[in-house]
Protein backbone atom coordinates (compact mmCIF):
# COMPACT_ATOMS: atom_id res chain seq x y z
CA MET A 1 2.14 -15.74 23.55
CA ALA A 2 4.03 -13.37 21.71
CA ALA A 3 7.43 -14.99 21.23
CA THR A 4 9.78 -13.09 19.15
CA THR A 5 13.37 -13.08 18.14
CA GLU A 6 15.70 -10.13 19.32
CA THR A 7 16.46 -9.68 15.28
CA HIS A 8 13.25 -9.62 13.11
CA GLY A 9 10.40 -10.00 15.93
CA CYS A 10 9.69 -13.45 14.46
CA CYS A 11 8.44 -16.23 16.47
CA LYS A 12 11.08 -19.12 17.05
CA THR A 13 8.92 -21.48 15.32
CA GLY A 14 8.46 -19.74 12.15
CA PRO A 15 8.24 -16.27 10.87
CA GLY A 16 5.17 -14.25 12.05
CA TYR A 17 2.65 -15.07 14.94
CA ALA A 18 0.26 -17.48 15.47
CA THR A 19 -2.90 -15.31 15.80
CA PRO A 20 -3.69 -11.42 15.04
CA LYS A 21 -4.33 -11.64 18.82
CA ASP A 22 -0.20 -12.56 19.23
CA ALA A 23 0.41 -9.86 16.66
CA MET A 24 -1.03 -6.99 18.40
CA ASN A 25 1.14 -8.18 21.64
CA ALA A 26 4.39 -8.13 19.75
CA PRO A 27 7.02 -5.37 20.55
CA LYS A 28 6.52 -2.13 19.88
CA GLU A 29 8.30 -1.45 16.56
CA LYS A 30 11.78 0.14 16.36
CA LEU A 31 12.89 0.57 12.76
CA LEU A 32 10.74 1.60 9.54
CA TYR A 33 11.89 0.63 6.12
CA ILE A 34 10.70 3.05 3.14
CA PRO A 35 11.49 3.34 -0.24
CA CYS A 36 12.24 6.51 -1.74
CA ILE A 37 11.74 7.70 -5.23
CA TYR A 38 13.52 9.93 -7.35
CA ARG A 39 11.92 9.49 -11.01
CA ASN A 40 9.83 12.59 -12.13
CA THR A 41 11.83 14.83 -9.56
CA PRO A 42 14.13 17.33 -10.34
CA ILE A 43 16.59 14.99 -8.79
CA ASP A 44 18.87 12.62 -11.26
CA ALA A 45 19.73 9.66 -8.73
CA HIS A 46 18.83 6.30 -8.06
CA ASP A 47 15.64 5.20 -5.62
CA TYR A 48 16.49 3.94 -2.25
CA LEU A 49 15.26 1.92 0.77
CA ALA A 50 15.60 4.37 3.83
CA THR A 51 15.91 3.08 7.25
CA VAL A 52 14.18 5.32 9.63
CA ASP A 53 14.65 4.87 13.62
CA ILE A 54 11.98 5.17 15.80
CA ASP A 55 13.26 4.03 18.73
CA GLU A 56 12.48 7.03 21.23
CA ASP A 57 15.48 5.85 23.25
CA SER A 58 17.95 6.44 20.53
CA PRO A 59 20.12 9.62 19.96
CA THR A 60 19.08 9.30 15.95
CA PHE A 61 15.20 8.93 16.89
CA SER A 62 13.27 10.09 14.21
CA GLN A 63 16.18 10.40 11.76
CA VAL A 64 17.11 8.41 8.07
CA ILE A 65 19.86 6.15 9.70
CA HIS A 66 20.71 4.13 6.47
CA ARG A 67 20.16 4.66 2.87
CA LEU A 68 20.37 1.62 0.40
CA GLU A 69 20.42 2.92 -2.76
CA MET A 70 19.21 0.75 -5.85
CA PRO A 71 22.32 -0.27 -8.61
CA ASN A 72 19.70 1.57 -11.44
CA LYS A 73 17.90 4.66 -11.92
CA ASN A 74 14.07 5.24 -12.47
CA ASP A 75 13.16 1.94 -10.85
CA GLU A 76 10.17 3.46 -9.32
CA ILE A 77 10.38 1.17 -6.16
CA HIS A 78 6.67 1.54 -5.07
CA HIS A 79 5.41 -1.36 -2.75
CA SER A 80 7.52 -3.63 -0.99
CA GLY A 81 6.85 -7.10 0.83
CA TRP A 82 8.47 -10.42 2.65
CA ASN A 83 9.47 -13.31 1.69
CA ALA A 84 7.82 -15.26 4.87
CA CYS A 85 5.10 -13.83 6.98
CA SER A 86 2.40 -15.49 9.42
CA SER A 87 1.34 -17.54 6.41
CA CYS A 88 4.52 -19.89 7.30
CA PHE A 89 4.13 -19.58 10.91
CA GLY A 90 5.30 -22.85 12.75
CA ASP A 91 7.68 -23.70 9.64
CA PRO A 92 11.39 -23.67 11.48
CA SER A 93 12.74 -23.32 8.20
CA LYS A 94 11.87 -20.40 7.30
CA ASN A 95 13.05 -17.04 8.23
CA ARG A 96 10.92 -13.11 7.53
CA ASN A 97 15.04 -11.94 6.50
CA LEU A 98 14.25 -10.57 3.07
CA LEU A 99 12.22 -7.38 1.95
CA ILE A 100 11.14 -7.75 -1.71
CA LEU A 101 11.16 -4.25 -3.33
CA PRO A 102 9.92 -4.78 -7.18
CA GLY A 103 10.19 -1.86 -9.34
CA LEU A 104 7.05 -0.76 -10.78
CA ILE A 105 8.42 0.90 -13.82
CA SER A 106 11.60 -1.24 -14.25
CA SER A 107 10.08 -4.63 -13.61
CA ARG A 108 13.76 -5.61 -11.86
CA LEU A 109 12.95 -7.35 -8.81
CA HIS A 110 15.30 -6.57 -5.79
CA ALA A 111 15.48 -8.86 -2.68
CA VAL A 112 17.14 -6.75 0.36
CA ASP A 113 18.53 -8.74 3.51
CA VAL A 114 17.14 -6.97 6.64
CA ALA A 115 18.18 -9.83 8.90
CA THR A 116 22.08 -9.98 8.84
CA ASP A 117 22.26 -5.90 10.02
CA PRO A 118 18.42 -4.65 10.21
CA LYS A 119 20.04 -1.03 10.76
CA ALA A 120 22.04 -1.34 7.26
CA PRO A 121 20.12 -3.44 4.99
CA ARG A 122 21.86 -5.07 2.07
CA PHE A 123 21.25 -6.57 -1.30
CA PHE A 124 20.52 -10.52 -1.62
CA LYS A 125 19.70 -10.79 -4.82
CA ILE A 126 18.34 -9.10 -7.88
CA VAL A 127 16.00 -10.58 -10.66
CA GLU A 128 16.34 -8.31 -13.89
CA PRO A 129 13.52 -7.45 -15.99
CA GLU A 130 14.80 -9.28 -19.07
CA GLU A 131 14.65 -12.26 -17.02
CA VAL A 132 11.11 -11.57 -15.70
CA TYR A 133 9.79 -10.78 -19.39
CA LYS A 134 11.10 -14.12 -20.41
CA LYS A 135 9.71 -16.44 -18.16
CA THR A 136 6.52 -14.96 -17.14
CA GLY A 137 5.69 -12.95 -20.11
CA LEU A 138 4.70 -10.11 -17.46
CA ALA A 139 5.89 -6.82 -16.49
CA PHE A 140 5.32 -3.75 -13.97
CA PRO A 141 5.20 -5.91 -10.74
CA HIS A 142 3.46 -4.44 -7.85
CA THR A 143 2.07 -6.23 -4.47
CA THR A 144 4.37 -8.92 -3.03
CA HIS A 145 2.67 -11.35 -0.79
CA CYS A 146 4.73 -14.55 0.78
CA ILE A 147 2.50 -17.61 0.15
CA PRO A 148 2.77 -20.92 1.87
CA GLY A 149 5.15 -23.74 0.09
CA GLY A 150 8.12 -21.59 0.45
CA LYS A 151 7.11 -19.15 -2.50
CA ILE A 152 7.02 -15.20 -2.89
CA MET A 153 4.02 -14.45 -5.01
CA ILE A 154 4.02 -10.90 -6.83
CA SER A 155 1.03 -9.32 -9.20
CA CYS A 156 2.11 -7.79 -12.41
CA ILE A 157 -0.24 -5.16 -14.21
CA GLY A 158 1.31 -5.39 -17.96
CA ASP A 159 3.01 -6.69 -20.57
CA PRO A 160 6.62 -5.73 -21.24
CA GLU A 161 5.26 -3.11 -24.07
CA GLY A 162 2.97 -1.54 -21.65
CA ASN A 163 -0.56 -3.08 -22.47
CA GLU A 164 -2.87 -4.54 -19.68
CA LYS A 165 -2.16 -8.12 -18.56
CA ALA A 166 -2.48 -9.26 -15.19
CA GLY A 167 -0.66 -12.23 -13.79
CA TYR A 168 1.39 -13.44 -11.03
CA VAL A 169 4.74 -14.21 -10.67
CA LEU A 170 6.45 -16.54 -8.28
CA LEU A 171 9.58 -16.42 -6.76
CA ASP A 172 11.23 -19.11 -4.25
CA SER A 173 11.24 -17.67 -0.91
CA ASP A 174 14.78 -18.64 -0.14
CA THR A 175 16.80 -18.41 -2.99
CA PHE A 176 14.81 -15.69 -4.70
CA GLU A 177 14.71 -17.81 -8.10
CA LEU A 178 11.98 -16.91 -10.54
CA THR A 179 10.04 -20.13 -11.10
CA GLY A 180 7.22 -19.21 -13.40
CA ASN A 181 3.74 -17.91 -13.31
CA TRP A 182 1.06 -18.78 -10.44
CA GLU A 183 -2.34 -18.19 -12.73
CA ALA A 184 -3.23 -21.36 -14.63
CA PRO A 185 -2.41 -21.04 -18.43
CA GLY A 186 -5.10 -18.87 -20.16
CA HIS A 187 -6.11 -17.18 -16.39
CA THR A 188 -4.63 -13.95 -16.85
CA THR A 189 -7.13 -10.84 -16.34
CA ARG A 190 -7.06 -7.76 -18.65
CA PHE A 191 -6.41 -5.24 -15.32
CA GLY A 192 -4.52 -6.02 -12.25
CA TYR A 193 -2.96 -4.63 -9.06
CA ASP A 194 -3.39 -5.55 -5.71
CA PHE A 195 -4.27 -8.99 -4.21
CA TRP A 196 -5.22 -11.03 -0.84
CA TYR A 197 -5.48 -14.49 -0.70
CA GLN A 198 -7.13 -16.64 2.26
CA PRO A 199 -6.45 -20.53 1.72
CA ARG A 200 -9.02 -21.54 4.37
CA HIS A 201 -11.54 -20.06 1.76
CA ASN A 202 -9.88 -21.28 -1.34
CA VAL A 203 -9.79 -18.04 -2.68
CA MET A 204 -7.86 -15.27 -3.92
CA ILE A 205 -9.25 -11.73 -4.98
CA SER A 206 -7.45 -8.99 -6.78
CA THR A 207 -8.08 -5.54 -7.92
CA GLU A 208 -7.74 -3.51 -10.94
CA ARG A 209 -6.02 -0.28 -11.86
CA GLY A 210 -5.39 0.53 -15.41
CA GLN A 211 -3.19 -0.06 -18.79
CA PRO A 212 0.45 0.87 -17.73
CA LYS A 213 0.65 2.96 -20.87
CA ARG A 214 -2.21 5.01 -19.94
CA PHE A 215 -0.64 6.24 -16.19
CA LEU A 216 2.85 5.83 -17.08
CA ASP A 217 3.55 9.70 -17.29
CA ARG A 218 -0.02 11.38 -16.13
CA TYR A 219 -3.32 10.88 -15.66
CA ASP A 220 -6.10 11.51 -18.53
CA PRO A 221 -9.62 11.37 -17.34
CA GLU A 222 -10.58 10.51 -20.73
CA ASP A 223 -8.91 7.12 -20.39
CA VAL A 224 -11.33 6.13 -17.77
CA ALA A 225 -14.10 7.00 -20.01
CA ASN A 226 -12.43 5.29 -23.04
CA GLY A 227 -12.35 1.83 -20.66
CA PHE A 228 -8.34 1.97 -19.84
CA TYR A 229 -8.93 1.42 -16.05
CA GLY A 230 -10.34 -1.07 -14.53
CA HIS A 231 -13.72 -1.44 -12.10
CA SER A 232 -13.58 -5.00 -11.27
CA LEU A 233 -12.44 -7.44 -8.41
CA ASN A 234 -11.02 -10.63 -9.83
CA VAL A 235 -12.21 -13.77 -7.97
CA TYR A 236 -9.27 -17.03 -8.45
CA ASP A 237 -9.64 -20.57 -7.20
CA TRP A 238 -6.36 -20.67 -4.69
CA THR A 239 -6.30 -24.49 -5.48
CA THR A 240 -6.56 -24.49 -9.46
CA HIS A 241 -5.37 -20.62 -9.84
CA GLU A 242 -8.22 -20.23 -12.21
CA ILE A 243 -10.66 -17.14 -12.28
CA ILE A 244 -13.98 -18.30 -11.46
CA GLN A 245 -15.95 -15.00 -10.94
CA ASN A 246 -15.53 -10.90 -12.01
CA ILE A 247 -17.45 -8.80 -9.68
CA ASP A 248 -17.90 -5.81 -11.54
CA LEU A 249 -18.46 -2.80 -9.26
CA GLY A 250 -19.77 -0.33 -12.02
CA GLU A 251 -19.67 3.32 -11.94
CA ASP A 252 -19.46 3.37 -8.07
CA GLY A 253 -15.87 1.36 -8.13
CA LYS A 254 -13.82 3.15 -10.48
CA ILE A 255 -10.25 1.99 -10.13
CA PRO A 256 -10.06 -0.03 -6.92
CA LEU A 257 -6.54 -0.53 -5.70
CA GLU A 258 -6.10 -1.85 -2.08
CA ILE A 259 -7.99 -4.85 -1.24
CA ARG A 260 -7.78 -6.22 2.41
CA PHE A 261 -9.23 -9.14 3.91
CA LEU A 262 -10.40 -9.19 7.70
CA HIS A 263 -7.51 -10.65 9.80
CA ASP A 264 -9.29 -13.22 11.27
CA PRO A 265 -9.04 -16.55 8.81
CA ALA A 266 -12.60 -17.38 9.75
CA ALA A 267 -13.75 -14.05 8.26
CA ALA A 268 -15.16 -14.59 4.60
CA GLU A 269 -15.25 -10.87 3.99
CA GLY A 270 -12.97 -7.87 3.77
CA PHE A 271 -12.68 -4.12 2.12
CA VAL A 272 -11.72 -2.61 -0.94
CA GLY A 273 -10.93 0.93 -1.82
CA CYS A 274 -11.80 2.48 -5.15
CA ALA A 275 -9.86 5.43 -5.89
CA LEU A 276 -11.43 7.70 -8.50
CA SER A 277 -15.24 7.00 -7.10
CA SER A 278 -13.94 7.36 -3.37
CA THR A 279 -15.84 4.38 -2.34
CA VAL A 280 -15.54 1.55 0.09
CA PHE A 281 -16.74 -1.97 -0.82
CA ARG A 282 -17.35 -4.63 1.42
CA PHE A 283 -16.94 -7.89 -0.38
CA TYR A 284 -18.06 -11.57 0.99
CA ARG A 285 -19.00 -15.21 0.45
CA THR A 286 -22.62 -15.52 -0.13
CA GLU A 287 -24.65 -18.53 1.01
CA ALA A 288 -24.43 -20.13 -2.06
CA GLY A 289 -20.60 -20.11 -1.85
CA THR A 290 -19.89 -17.14 -4.73
CA TRP A 291 -18.68 -13.84 -3.97
CA ASN A 292 -20.15 -10.24 -4.08
CA ALA A 293 -19.49 -6.54 -3.12
CA ASP A 294 -21.86 -3.59 -1.88
CA LYS A 295 -20.88 -0.20 -1.30
CA VAL A 296 -20.49 0.56 2.08
CA ILE A 297 -19.08 4.16 2.27
CA SER A 298 -19.05 6.94 -0.50
CA VAL A 299 -17.19 10.19 0.17
CA PRO A 300 -18.89 13.05 -1.98
CA PRO A 301 -16.58 15.00 -4.52
CA LYS A 302 -16.51 18.93 -3.43
CA LYS A 303 -17.21 21.54 -5.94
CA VAL A 304 -14.62 23.83 -7.05
CA ASP A 305 -13.24 26.69 -9.31
CA GLY A 306 -9.59 26.78 -10.87
CA TRP A 307 -9.52 22.68 -11.35
CA PHE A 308 -8.00 21.72 -14.08
CA LEU A 309 -9.96 18.77 -14.40
CA GLY A 310 -13.36 20.41 -14.10
CA PRO A 311 -15.82 21.50 -11.83
CA GLU A 312 -15.31 18.76 -9.02
CA ILE A 313 -12.62 17.32 -6.96
CA ASP A 314 -12.36 13.80 -6.02
CA GLY A 315 -11.17 12.77 -2.79
CA ILE A 316 -8.93 9.77 -4.58
CA LEU A 317 -9.06 6.93 -1.91
CA SER A 318 -5.73 5.89 -2.25
CA ASP A 319 -4.98 3.23 0.64
CA ILE A 320 -6.75 1.26 3.25
CA ILE A 321 -5.88 -0.77 5.94
CA ILE A 322 -7.34 -2.33 9.02
CA SER A 323 -6.44 -3.01 12.29
CA MET A 324 -5.44 -6.33 13.74
CA ASP A 325 -8.42 -7.06 15.67
CA ASP A 326 -10.42 -6.11 12.67
CA LYS A 327 -12.03 -3.35 14.82
CA PHE A 328 -11.18 -0.29 12.71
CA LEU A 329 -10.67 0.51 9.02
CA TYR A 330 -8.62 3.38 7.89
CA PHE A 331 -8.56 5.23 4.33
CA SER A 332 -6.66 8.01 3.12
CA LEU A 333 -8.43 10.66 0.60
CA TRP A 334 -5.08 11.91 -1.30
CA LEU A 335 -6.55 15.29 -2.84
CA HIS A 336 -9.21 16.12 0.08
CA GLY A 337 -6.56 15.71 2.11
CA ASP A 338 -7.94 13.65 5.28
CA ILE A 339 -7.69 10.13 6.95
CA ARG A 340 -10.71 8.70 8.18
CA GLN A 341 -10.85 5.87 11.01
CA TYR A 342 -14.38 3.66 10.66
CA ASP A 343 -15.41 1.35 13.30
CA ILE A 344 -16.26 -1.92 11.56
CA SER A 345 -17.33 -4.06 14.54
CA ASP A 346 -20.56 -4.53 12.18
CA PRO A 347 -18.80 -4.89 8.63
CA LYS A 348 -22.19 -3.99 6.53
CA ASN A 349 -22.60 -0.48 8.38
CA PRO A 350 -18.86 1.30 8.87
CA LYS A 351 -19.31 4.19 11.53
CA LEU A 352 -17.09 7.36 11.41
CA VAL A 353 -15.33 7.67 14.57
CA GLY A 354 -12.18 9.66 13.63
CA GLN A 355 -10.82 12.16 11.24
CA ILE A 356 -7.97 14.19 10.19
CA PHE A 357 -6.38 16.77 7.79
CA LEU A 358 -3.01 16.22 6.56
CA GLY A 359 -2.76 18.56 3.28
CA GLY A 360 -4.63 18.17 0.61
CA ARG A 361 -5.60 20.25 -2.33
CA VAL A 362 -8.85 22.05 -0.64
CA GLN A 363 -7.01 23.86 1.79
CA SER A 364 -8.09 27.21 3.33
CA ASP A 365 -5.18 29.06 1.72
CA GLY A 366 -5.22 27.00 -1.60
CA PRO A 367 -5.87 28.49 -4.88
CA LEU A 368 -9.23 26.33 -5.36
CA GLU A 369 -12.23 27.99 -4.41
CA VAL A 370 -14.59 25.51 -3.04
CA THR A 371 -18.25 26.45 -4.07
CA GLU A 372 -19.96 23.36 -2.45
CA ASP A 373 -18.90 20.93 0.41
CA LEU A 374 -21.48 18.51 1.70
CA GLU A 375 -19.12 17.75 4.17
CA LEU A 376 -17.32 20.47 5.71
CA LYS A 377 -18.57 24.12 6.61
CA SER A 378 -14.83 25.28 5.98
CA GLN A 379 -12.08 24.12 4.30
CA PRO A 380 -9.25 22.78 6.67
CA ASP A 381 -6.09 25.09 7.26
CA PRO A 382 -2.45 23.61 5.98
CA VAL A 383 -0.03 21.40 8.10
CA PHE A 384 3.18 22.75 8.94
CA ILE A 385 6.08 20.69 10.77
CA ASP A 386 8.95 22.56 12.00
CA GLY A 387 8.02 25.60 10.04
CA LYS A 388 7.92 23.66 6.92
CA ARG A 389 4.78 23.09 5.04
CA VAL A 390 3.44 19.42 4.09
CA HIS A 391 2.86 19.31 0.31
CA GLY A 392 0.81 16.64 -0.88
CA GLY A 393 -1.66 14.81 0.75
CA PRO A 394 -2.02 11.84 3.25
CA GLN A 395 -1.48 8.48 0.95
CA MET A 396 0.32 5.17 2.10
CA LEU A 397 -0.62 4.18 5.46
CA GLN A 398 0.76 1.60 7.96
CA LEU A 399 -0.58 0.77 11.39
CA SER A 400 1.08 -0.46 14.19
CA LEU A 401 0.34 -3.85 15.41
CA ASP A 402 -0.88 -2.98 18.54
CA GLY A 403 -3.00 -0.11 16.30
CA LYS A 404 -2.01 2.60 18.46
CA ARG A 405 0.24 4.07 15.99
CA LEU A 406 -0.85 5.08 12.31
CA TYR A 407 2.42 6.17 10.03
CA VAL A 408 1.41 8.33 6.79
CA SER A 409 3.66 9.17 3.86
CA THR A 410 2.16 11.50 1.24
CA SER A 411 3.54 10.38 -1.84
CA LEU A 412 1.24 8.46 -4.40
CA TYR A 413 3.30 7.83 -7.74
CA SER A 414 5.91 10.08 -9.12
CA ALA A 415 4.04 11.21 -12.08
CA TRP A 416 0.61 11.57 -10.82
CA ASP A 417 2.70 13.38 -7.84
CA LYS A 418 4.07 15.75 -10.68
CA GLN A 419 0.69 16.32 -11.94
CA PHE A 420 -1.42 16.96 -9.10
CA TYR A 421 0.84 18.34 -6.50
CA PRO A 422 3.99 19.62 -8.28
CA GLU A 423 5.53 21.57 -5.13
CA LEU A 424 5.41 18.09 -3.40
CA ALA A 425 7.51 16.50 -6.56
CA LYS A 426 9.83 19.60 -6.16
CA GLN A 427 10.19 19.93 -2.14
CA GLY A 428 9.78 16.01 -1.65
CA SER A 429 7.49 14.24 1.07
CA PHE A 430 6.82 13.55 4.75
CA LEU A 431 6.37 11.04 7.01
CA MET A 432 4.00 11.40 9.74
CA MET A 433 2.81 9.26 12.86
CA LEU A 434 -0.84 9.61 14.15
CA ASP A 435 -1.63 8.55 17.79
CA VAL A 436 -4.91 6.65 17.40
CA ASP A 437 -7.66 6.35 19.95
CA THR A 438 -8.36 2.56 19.89
CA GLU A 439 -11.41 2.60 22.80
CA LYS A 440 -13.69 5.23 21.11
CA GLY A 441 -11.88 6.45 18.02
CA GLY A 442 -9.96 9.68 17.21
CA LEU A 443 -6.49 10.29 15.41
CA THR A 444 -4.07 13.05 16.72
CA LEU A 445 -0.65 14.23 14.92
CA ASN A 446 2.16 13.42 16.93
CA LYS A 447 4.99 16.20 15.74
CA LYS A 448 7.27 14.54 17.62
CA LEU A 449 7.94 11.82 14.90
CA HIS A 450 8.41 12.94 11.47
CA VAL A 451 10.60 12.91 8.78
CA ASN A 452 10.93 15.53 6.19
CA PHE A 453 12.18 14.14 3.08
CA GLY A 454 12.69 17.28 1.64
CA ASN A 455 15.95 17.36 3.35
CA GLU A 456 17.80 14.27 2.14
CA PRO A 457 21.64 14.50 1.02
CA LYS A 458 20.91 14.08 -2.91
CA GLY A 459 17.83 16.27 -2.44
CA PRO A 460 14.17 15.76 -1.75
CA ALA A 461 12.57 12.40 -2.52
CA LEU A 462 9.25 10.70 -2.40
CA ALA A 463 8.66 8.48 0.20
CA HIS A 464 5.85 5.88 -0.14
CA GLU A 465 5.17 2.55 1.73
CA VAL A 466 5.98 1.99 5.26
CA ARG A 467 7.21 -1.64 6.49
CA TYR A 468 8.96 -3.00 9.80
CA PRO A 469 11.00 -6.04 10.32
CA GLY A 470 8.28 -7.47 12.23
CA GLY A 471 5.81 -7.83 10.21
CA ASP A 472 2.60 -5.57 9.61
CA CYS A 473 -0.97 -4.89 8.93
CA THR A 474 -1.01 -5.10 5.45
CA SER A 475 1.95 -8.26 5.02
CA ASP A 476 0.84 -10.80 7.28
CA ILE A 477 -2.08 -13.29 6.33
CA TRP A 478 -3.25 -16.32 8.54
CA MET A 479 -4.69 -19.20 7.84
């Protein structure tokens, strides 16, 4: 079944869906929520949450219909999450009514009511950074997941001074009261970023970006050489909240960012994308009960002339996503400019079945001369939508629950946008949608649905992560 309510697409007996298969049969999404950022752009304005109408029968189809402006400037609203999801399915006291918007730079935590009027979200409560600092000793919040027991868990990747320190903030899912830390005392890690949990296997696994002070304003490759960026997975005991294992991915696993378990809760495995090395590792539980990771996909760099970081340009694998049926894995290569679709029916041997180019730094008319490309015979042409060139490269991904539509935005992080794609920071980002072949594989740009955030009322904005009211492929966890 796919029992839903009219307002938020959540089951009547509790938020979310009973199984991933039920989620795939949910109604088609009609609204998107997207954080838009002005930090590191020429526009001196507040970040905001954009609501985009994607109902094809609506007169405002493919338009921003509401903007919820943050009360403060320079939050850098980055990733978002829900106060409740399918991990709470069956609990009628829970409701997926709050979208959580952490300020990556400000450490301010915003809870936004998207249930009272889904087309016009409003603030429910804001936790100021001073409270986060005082109660947890943490700062720079990133990933939000709801967890069982009526809690919201947010990963943090630094201390208030910008030094590396990874821990987890807990908030009440109904009141948004900050209650403290999730990790056991003494069980912070040096680096942090994303995380995924699976109580059935008594595990939580986190990834590592780097020291906040080192990436706040720019990327410097010397910081990687000097050990200020991560290359490991950290494994926690879900019950005791203690670190039980560190998996060093080595030189092939530089800057592991987004991590995804398979949606099937019985599957003790998943994938993690490593940005700088442009690799994907499969992680899994061994017969001995420990956890391990193997490299299963590697994208070679391209040799170029004219690149400010040297003779090679890496792909920068910035986001990954897995379809609800665990059949396909998608990832974006922000600098190379392509999105790839892999059949992961055999998780040990992913098979490339779809690819599309949507920008990037190695386009046919770009300033870089590609001298050696191990994959392409010629460089991709630029993409234009309604006569407007798409600047930047494909970055954040969100897949429809049925797997047939892949939403793409082009901003990674405002300081890096400004450094790697100056025109992106000046002219704003795009939201695009791809039609997905869910049988044989394949990706096609659908130009009917798109938003040019260069045309926003206060000036060009940087649009980042996509969410929909009924849940999505990167927020719901089954147990």
